[in-house]
Amino acid sequence: SSLAHDMPMSESASNLSTKDMFSGEHGGAVSSGVGIFFQQEVSGHVVVKTIVSGGSAERDGTVRVGDVIIRVDDHDVVGDPLPVLRNLILGPQGTTVNLSFRRRQEGDRYHTYEVRLTRGTAEYFSALKNNYNVAPMADLDDDVDALRLKLRQALALGASDRDELERLRKMLQMERDLATRRDAEIKTGQAQHHDEVLRLQESIRKAEQARREAEIKLMPLQQREADLSDELSRQREKESLRKEYIEELKRRFEEDKTSLEQTLAMEQAQRRDDLVARHQADSMLQKINAELQRMREMEDIRRERESTYKERFEGEQARLLEAGQHEERLRAALREADLRLGRWNQEYFGGMPYSPDEVDVEPTEAFFMA
């Protein structure tokens, strides 16, 4: 199926004359096309609807009704709207444009071809023909060829229109048959379901009565709902305040946590310092203990030496005492000998009594052992 968008390189559904549609003279500068009416289908494809008599496409004879345009020069126009296609094809008279078409052949095969057409109106080409002074016989041949081409186009267009008309008739008949069947079904349904309609009406009446009774019963519930809504609003406000309080507690907790973490870090640092100091003190204590042990060992050695010296000193003191006693005995013996000598001297020599020289003898040093 196709949409009613016939376009000789102009907007669809525009109020343009035949000359305007062909030449493009409508509210602007003079521009010409190639003498083709295009139509856009539902699928978006733009097909050749009619070939204008005397135009460039008819004179070329390559383009046929039903061909699908796919490219204008280097622009792919598949799916583009008709105004875009119009702007691409229209141009100054005498210039050329390359159009690419796709033609359906037997089965599902397609043939793609390209044609180069000159822009211009029928009057433009007639003027060119007059300028070239073509012979009357050639003009007659051209007219015959043109008429033959128009006939072929008209036959093709008529066949297409007949097919479309037949299809529309079949569709209309199908719609009529469907409408008749639907009317019969409606009448049968109305006859069969009359009692059902009455029962439904009674049910609707009872439902309406029940609805009114329910509305009466619903009024206290609505009031209760309003009260609950107010209570919910108050609860929401309380919840909001509670959330704010919780957020404040969280903030304080985070602050306390940060402070405690800082304090913990300081305590840990202090503990590390204490551990270092403790290790140093332990090391120093070990050194002191080692020194004390060494001093104890030296003290033991000193005591042993002192004991040895004391024993030796006591032995020496005992020997000195013994020597002092021996000296006293010697002194006593010496005095006794002096006395005897004095007596012997007096007895034998009758002289003066013998008095020995006083000998200064240092007193024996008194030794004291503490």
Protein backbone atom coordinates (compact mmCIF):
# COMPACT_ATOMS: atom_id res chain seq x y z
CA SER A 1 0.00 0.00 0.00
CA SER A 2 1.14 3.59 -0.54
CA LEU A 3 0.55 6.99 0.97
CA ALA A 4 -0.90 9.92 -0.94
CA HIS A 5 2.48 11.72 -1.28
CA ASP A 6 2.87 12.44 -5.00
CA MET A 7 5.84 14.69 -5.55
CA PRO A 8 7.40 16.09 -8.70
CA MET A 9 10.33 17.15 -6.50
CA SER A 10 8.03 19.27 -4.25
CA GLU A 11 6.51 18.91 -0.79
CA SER A 12 3.70 16.36 -0.46
CA ALA A 13 0.11 17.65 -0.23
CA SER A 14 1.19 21.13 -1.48
CA ASN A 15 -1.08 23.28 -3.68
CA LEU A 16 1.26 23.65 -6.66
CA SER A 17 0.27 24.00 -10.32
CA THR A 18 1.46 21.57 -12.98
CA LYS A 19 4.06 24.04 -14.15
CA ASP A 20 5.21 24.72 -10.57
CA MET A 21 5.46 20.99 -9.80
CA PHE A 22 7.57 20.45 -12.86
CA SER A 23 9.75 23.51 -12.76
CA GLY A 24 9.82 24.30 -9.06
CA GLU A 25 8.66 27.91 -9.53
CA HIS A 26 6.76 28.54 -6.32
CA GLY A 27 7.66 31.28 -3.93
CA GLY A 28 11.38 31.31 -4.76
CA ALA A 29 14.08 31.15 -7.44
CA VAL A 30 13.44 29.21 -10.68
CA SER A 31 14.54 25.58 -10.38
CA SER A 32 13.67 22.51 -12.42
CA GLY A 33 13.42 18.82 -11.86
CA VAL A 34 13.58 15.79 -14.15
CA GLY A 35 9.83 15.26 -14.81
CA ILE A 36 8.95 12.50 -12.28
CA PHE A 37 6.09 12.29 -9.78
CA PHE A 38 7.23 10.39 -6.67
CA GLN A 39 5.07 8.70 -4.00
CA GLN A 40 6.18 7.60 -0.54
CA GLU A 41 4.89 4.24 0.69
CA VAL A 42 4.14 3.13 4.27
CA SER A 43 7.48 1.32 4.36
CA GLY A 44 9.22 4.67 3.73
CA HIS A 45 10.36 3.82 0.19
CA VAL A 46 9.82 6.50 -2.48
CA VAL A 47 8.59 5.06 -5.81
CA VAL A 48 7.99 6.54 -9.24
CA LYS A 49 4.24 7.27 -9.50
CA THR A 50 4.08 9.09 -12.86
CA ILE A 51 6.50 10.24 -15.52
CA VAL A 52 5.70 13.76 -16.79
CA SER A 53 5.31 14.15 -20.53
CA GLY A 54 8.11 16.04 -22.20
CA GLY A 55 10.36 15.82 -19.18
CA SER A 56 13.92 14.59 -18.97
CA ALA A 57 12.93 11.17 -17.58
CA GLU A 58 10.47 10.55 -20.44
CA ARG A 59 12.99 11.65 -23.04
CA ASP A 60 15.57 9.29 -21.57
CA GLY A 61 13.13 6.38 -21.37
CA THR A 62 15.04 4.37 -18.73
CA VAL A 63 12.97 5.16 -15.65
CA ARG A 64 9.68 3.27 -15.25
CA VAL A 65 6.65 3.61 -13.02
CA GLY A 66 7.12 1.60 -9.81
CA ASP A 67 10.90 1.97 -9.66
CA VAL A 68 12.23 2.81 -6.17
CA ILE A 69 14.71 5.69 -5.90
CA ILE A 70 17.64 4.88 -3.61
CA ARG A 71 20.30 7.53 -4.31
CA VAL A 72 20.65 11.11 -5.60
CA ASP A 73 24.22 11.79 -6.68
CA ASP A 74 26.22 10.68 -3.61
CA HIS A 75 23.32 10.92 -1.13
CA ASP A 76 21.51 7.80 0.09
CA VAL A 77 17.80 8.75 0.24
CA VAL A 78 16.26 5.47 1.41
CA GLY A 79 13.79 6.38 4.18
CA ASP A 80 14.26 10.16 3.77
CA PRO A 81 11.11 12.34 3.60
CA LEU A 82 9.92 13.86 0.33
CA PRO A 83 11.10 17.45 1.09
CA VAL A 84 14.67 16.19 1.40
CA LEU A 85 14.37 14.36 -1.92
CA ARG A 86 12.93 17.48 -3.56
CA ASN A 87 15.82 19.67 -2.37
CA LEU A 88 18.34 17.17 -3.72
CA ILE A 89 16.77 16.75 -7.18
CA LEU A 90 15.68 20.32 -8.00
CA GLY A 91 18.30 22.59 -9.51
CA PRO A 92 19.06 25.09 -12.27
CA GLN A 93 17.85 24.17 -15.76
CA GLY A 94 20.45 22.56 -17.95
CA THR A 95 22.37 20.96 -15.05
CA THR A 96 22.49 17.22 -14.61
CA VAL A 97 21.77 14.92 -11.69
CA ASN A 98 22.56 11.22 -11.17
CA LEU A 99 19.65 9.14 -9.91
CA SER A 100 19.91 5.51 -8.78
CA PHE A 101 16.80 3.25 -8.87
CA ARG A 102 15.93 -0.28 -7.84
CA ARG A 103 13.51 -2.24 -10.08
CA ARG A 104 11.82 -5.44 -9.04
CA GLN A 105 12.12 -8.27 -11.56
CA GLU A 106 10.72 -11.79 -11.55
CA GLY A 107 10.40 -13.37 -8.13
CA ASP A 108 12.31 -11.61 -5.39
CA ARG A 109 15.14 -10.41 -7.63
CA TYR A 110 15.93 -6.70 -7.93
CA HIS A 111 17.85 -4.77 -10.54
CA THR A 112 19.70 -1.59 -9.61
CA TYR A 113 20.65 0.97 -12.22
CA GLU A 114 21.79 4.59 -12.44
CA VAL A 115 20.65 7.23 -14.92
CA ARG A 116 21.98 10.72 -15.61
CA LEU A 117 19.15 13.19 -16.32
CA THR A 118 19.17 16.85 -17.29
CA ARG A 119 17.09 19.25 -15.23
CA GLY A 120 14.55 21.28 -17.23
CA THR A 121 10.90 21.83 -18.08
CA ALA A 122 9.14 20.64 -21.23
CA GLU A 123 9.31 24.20 -22.54
CA TYR A 124 13.05 24.24 -21.89
CA PHE A 125 13.61 21.10 -23.96
CA SER A 126 11.26 22.36 -26.69
CA ALA A 127 13.25 25.58 -26.86
CA LEU A 128 16.42 23.56 -27.16
CA LYS A 129 14.88 21.54 -29.96
CA ASN A 130 13.82 24.71 -31.81
CA ASN A 131 17.29 26.18 -31.38
CA TYR A 132 18.79 23.09 -32.99
CA ASN A 133 16.32 23.38 -35.95
CA VAL A 134 15.39 19.73 -35.94
CA ALA A 135 13.62 18.49 -39.08
CA PRO A 136 9.78 18.13 -38.98
CA MET A 137 10.06 14.41 -39.59
CA ALA A 138 12.30 14.03 -36.59
CA ASP A 139 9.78 16.02 -34.55
CA LEU A 140 7.05 13.67 -35.72
CA ASP A 141 9.11 10.64 -34.75
CA ASP A 142 9.78 12.18 -31.39
CA ASP A 143 6.09 12.85 -30.92
CA VAL A 144 5.26 9.28 -31.84
CA ASP A 145 7.86 7.96 -29.44
CA ALA A 146 6.55 10.27 -26.76
CA LEU A 147 3.00 9.12 -27.38
CA ARG A 148 4.06 5.51 -27.25
CA LEU A 149 5.90 6.12 -24.01
CA LYS A 150 2.88 7.90 -22.54
CA LEU A 151 0.69 5.02 -23.63
CA ARG A 152 2.96 2.51 -21.93
CA GLN A 153 3.03 4.62 -18.82
CA ALA A 154 -0.74 5.09 -18.88
CA LEU A 155 -1.25 1.33 -19.34
CA ALA A 156 1.15 0.57 -16.50
CA LEU A 157 -0.50 3.19 -14.33
CA GLY A 158 -3.97 1.90 -15.27
CA ALA A 159 -2.97 -1.67 -14.45
CA SER A 160 -1.55 -0.53 -11.14
CA ASP A 161 -4.70 1.47 -10.42
CA ARG A 162 -6.91 -1.47 -11.39
CA ASP A 163 -4.99 -3.78 -9.09
CA GLU A 164 -5.26 -1.25 -6.32
CA LEU A 165 -8.96 -0.76 -6.98
CA GLU A 166 -9.58 -4.51 -7.02
CA ARG A 167 -7.70 -4.86 -3.78
CA LEU A 168 -9.74 -2.07 -2.22
CA ARG A 169 -12.95 -3.69 -3.44
CA LYS A 170 -11.96 -6.99 -1.89
CA MET A 171 -11.07 -5.25 1.34
CA LEU A 172 -14.39 -3.38 1.30
CA GLN A 173 -16.29 -6.60 0.68
CA MET A 174 -14.44 -8.30 3.50
CA GLU A 175 -15.26 -5.38 5.79
CA ARG A 176 -18.92 -5.57 4.78
CA ASP A 177 -19.07 -9.34 5.38
CA LEU A 178 -17.35 -8.86 8.71
CA ALA A 179 -19.78 -6.08 9.68
CA THR A 180 -22.76 -8.28 8.70
CA ARG A 181 -21.45 -11.14 10.79
CA ARG A 182 -20.84 -8.81 13.68
CA ASP A 183 -24.38 -7.39 13.45
CA ALA A 184 -25.82 -10.90 13.44
CA GLU A 185 -23.65 -11.86 16.40
CA ILE A 186 -24.73 -8.72 18.25
CA LYS A 187 -28.40 -9.40 17.65
CA THR A 188 -27.99 -13.03 18.71
CA GLY A 189 -26.07 -11.95 21.77
CA GLN A 190 -28.71 -9.37 22.65
CA ALA A 191 -31.41 -12.00 22.41
CA GLN A 192 -29.44 -14.57 24.38
CA HIS A 193 -28.22 -12.23 27.05
CA HIS A 194 -31.35 -10.13 27.70
CA ASP A 195 -32.00 -11.96 30.97
CA GLU A 196 -28.33 -11.70 31.81
CA VAL A 197 -28.56 -7.94 31.26
CA LEU A 198 -31.51 -7.76 33.64
CA ARG A 199 -29.65 -9.77 36.22
CA LEU A 200 -26.63 -7.55 35.77
CA GLN A 201 -28.80 -4.45 36.20
CA GLU A 202 -30.23 -5.91 39.41
CA SER A 203 -26.72 -6.74 40.53
CA ILE A 204 -25.65 -3.19 39.70
CA ARG A 205 -28.56 -1.80 41.74
CA LYS A 206 -27.67 -3.99 44.69
CA ALA A 207 -24.01 -3.08 44.29
CA GLU A 208 -24.94 0.62 44.25
CA GLN A 209 -27.00 0.18 47.40
CA ALA A 210 -24.12 -1.73 49.00
CA ARG A 211 -21.76 1.03 47.91
CA ARG A 212 -23.92 3.69 49.62
CA GLU A 213 -24.10 1.58 52.77
CA ALA A 214 -20.36 1.06 52.58
CA GLU A 215 -19.86 4.82 52.21
CA ILE A 216 -21.95 5.35 55.37
CA LYS A 217 -19.84 2.78 57.19
CA LEU A 218 -16.70 4.21 55.64
CA MET A 219 -17.18 7.67 57.14
CA PRO A 220 -15.94 6.65 60.64
CA LEU A 221 -13.12 4.79 58.97
CA GLN A 222 -12.24 7.90 56.97
CA GLN A 223 -12.24 9.93 60.18
CA ARG A 224 -10.10 7.23 61.75
CA GLU A 225 -7.84 7.38 58.70
CA ALA A 226 -7.54 11.15 59.08
CA ASP A 227 -6.65 10.71 62.76
CA LEU A 228 -4.15 8.03 61.86
CA SER A 229 -2.75 10.32 59.16
CA ASP A 230 -2.29 13.08 61.74
CA GLU A 231 -0.72 10.59 64.13
CA LEU A 232 1.51 9.37 61.31
CA SER A 233 2.56 12.97 60.63
CA ARG A 234 3.42 13.42 64.31
CA GLN A 235 5.27 10.13 64.34
CA ARG A 236 7.16 11.20 61.23
CA GLU A 237 8.10 14.46 62.94
CA LYS A 238 9.24 12.47 65.97
CA GLU A 239 11.09 10.12 63.68
CA SER A 240 12.72 13.09 62.00
CA LEU A 241 13.73 14.51 65.40
CA ARG A 242 14.95 11.08 66.44
CA LYS A 243 17.01 10.80 63.27
CA GLU A 244 18.45 14.26 63.91
CA TYR A 245 19.23 13.21 67.50
CA ILE A 246 20.82 9.99 66.23
CA GLU A 247 22.83 11.99 63.69
CA GLU A 248 23.97 14.31 66.49
CA LEU A 249 24.92 11.28 68.60
CA LYS A 250 26.77 9.83 65.61
CA ARG A 251 28.60 13.12 65.15
CA ARG A 252 29.52 13.25 68.83
CA PHE A 253 30.48 9.59 68.71
CA GLU A 254 32.72 10.27 65.73
CA GLU A 255 34.28 13.23 67.56
CA ASP A 256 34.79 11.13 70.72
CA LYS A 257 36.08 8.29 68.59
CA THR A 258 38.54 10.63 66.89
CA SER A 259 39.61 12.05 70.26
CA LEU A 260 39.97 8.57 71.75
CA GLU A 261 41.90 7.40 68.72
CA GLN A 262 44.23 10.36 69.10
CA THR A 263 44.55 9.65 72.85
CA LEU A 264 45.13 5.96 72.08
CA ALA A 265 47.76 6.89 69.54
CA MET A 266 49.44 9.12 72.13
CA GLU A 267 49.17 6.36 74.75
CA GLN A 268 50.58 3.85 72.30
CA ALA A 269 53.42 6.23 71.49
CA GLN A 270 53.99 6.80 75.23
CA ARG A 271 53.82 3.04 75.76
CA ARG A 272 56.37 2.52 73.01
CA ASP A 273 58.58 5.15 74.67
CA ASP A 274 58.06 3.42 78.04
CA LEU A 275 58.92 0.08 76.50
CA VAL A 276 62.06 1.59 75.02
CA ALA A 277 62.92 3.14 78.40
CA ARG A 278 62.10 -0.15 80.11
CA HIS A 279 64.34 -2.03 77.72
CA GLN A 280 67.06 0.52 78.36
CA ALA A 281 66.49 0.23 82.14
CA ASP A 282 66.54 -3.56 81.89
CA SER A 283 69.76 -3.35 79.94
CA MET A 284 71.20 -0.92 82.50
CA LEU A 285 69.94 -3.16 85.36
CA GLN A 286 71.60 -6.16 83.75
CA LYS A 287 74.81 -4.16 83.51
CA ILE A 288 74.43 -3.03 87.18
CA ASN A 289 73.68 -6.60 88.26
CA ALA A 290 76.72 -7.80 86.35
CA GLU A 291 78.82 -5.04 87.96
CA LEU A 292 77.33 -5.84 91.39
CA GLN A 293 78.08 -9.52 90.88
CA ARG A 294 81.61 -8.59 89.89
CA MET A 295 81.90 -6.34 92.99
CA ARG A 296 80.49 -9.16 95.17
CA GLU A 297 83.05 -11.51 93.75
CA MET A 298 85.75 -8.88 94.39
CA GLU A 299 84.36 -8.38 97.94
CA ASP A 300 84.52 -12.14 98.52
CA ILE A 301 88.08 -12.12 97.24
CA ARG A 302 88.87 -9.09 99.48
CA ARG A 303 87.33 -10.80 102.48
CA GLU A 304 89.31 -13.92 101.79
CA ARG A 305 92.47 -11.82 101.49
CA GLU A 306 91.54 -9.84 104.65
CA SER A 307 90.98 -13.09 106.54
CA THR A 308 94.33 -14.34 105.29
CA TYR A 309 95.99 -11.03 106.28
CA LYS A 310 94.27 -11.11 109.68
CA GLU A 311 95.50 -14.62 110.36
CA ARG A 312 98.99 -13.63 109.30
CA PHE A 313 98.79 -10.46 111.44
CA GLU A 314 97.60 -12.39 114.48
CA GLY A 315 100.48 -14.86 113.94
CA GLU A 316 102.95 -12.00 113.68
CA GLN A 317 101.45 -10.35 116.80
CA ALA A 318 101.75 -13.61 118.69
CA ARG A 319 105.39 -13.90 117.62
CA LEU A 320 105.99 -10.25 118.70
CA LEU A 321 104.47 -10.94 122.11
CA GLU A 322 106.60 -14.02 122.43
CA ALA A 323 109.66 -11.95 121.41
CA GLY A 324 108.73 -9.29 124.01
CA GLN A 325 108.48 -11.93 126.73
CA HIS A 326 111.80 -13.39 125.65
CA GLU A 327 113.31 -9.86 125.77
CA GLU A 328 111.93 -9.34 129.31
CA ARG A 329 113.49 -12.63 130.41
CA LEU A 330 116.73 -11.53 128.81
CA ARG A 331 116.57 -8.14 130.60
CA ALA A 332 115.81 -9.86 133.91
CA ALA A 333 118.70 -12.25 133.33
CA LEU A 334 120.92 -9.31 132.40
CA ARG A 335 120.02 -7.39 135.57
CA GLU A 336 120.59 -10.48 137.64
CA ALA A 337 123.98 -10.93 135.96
CA ASP A 338 124.83 -7.25 136.66
CA LEU A 339 123.89 -7.68 140.31
CA ARG A 340 126.03 -10.78 140.57
CA LEU A 341 128.92 -8.95 138.89
CA GLY A 342 128.47 -6.08 141.40
CA ARG A 343 128.58 -8.44 144.31
CA TRP A 344 131.51 -10.31 142.85
CA ASN A 345 133.28 -7.04 142.19
CA GLN A 346 132.65 -5.83 145.78
CA GLU A 347 133.57 -9.15 147.24
CA TYR A 348 136.69 -9.70 145.23
CA PHE A 349 137.93 -6.19 144.55
CA GLY A 350 136.54 -4.34 147.60
CA GLY A 351 135.84 -1.39 145.57
CA MET A 352 132.92 0.56 144.79
CA PRO A 353 129.92 -1.40 144.17
CA TYR A 354 129.44 -2.12 140.53
CA SER A 355 126.66 -0.10 138.90
CA PRO A 356 126.06 -0.92 135.33
CA ASP A 357 125.44 1.85 132.83
CA GLU A 358 121.85 2.73 132.32
CA VAL A 359 120.80 1.55 128.97
CA ASP A 360 117.92 3.36 127.41
CA VAL A 361 115.69 0.70 126.21
CA GLU A 362 112.61 1.77 124.46
CA PRO A 363 109.60 0.35 126.07
CA THR A 364 108.07 -2.50 124.27
CA GLU A 365 105.43 -1.21 121.96
CA ALA A 366 102.12 -2.29 123.13
CA PHE A 367 100.31 -3.98 120.31
CA PHE A 368 96.54 -3.74 120.15
CA MET A 369 94.41 -5.83 117.97
CA ALA A 370 91.00 -4.50 117.44
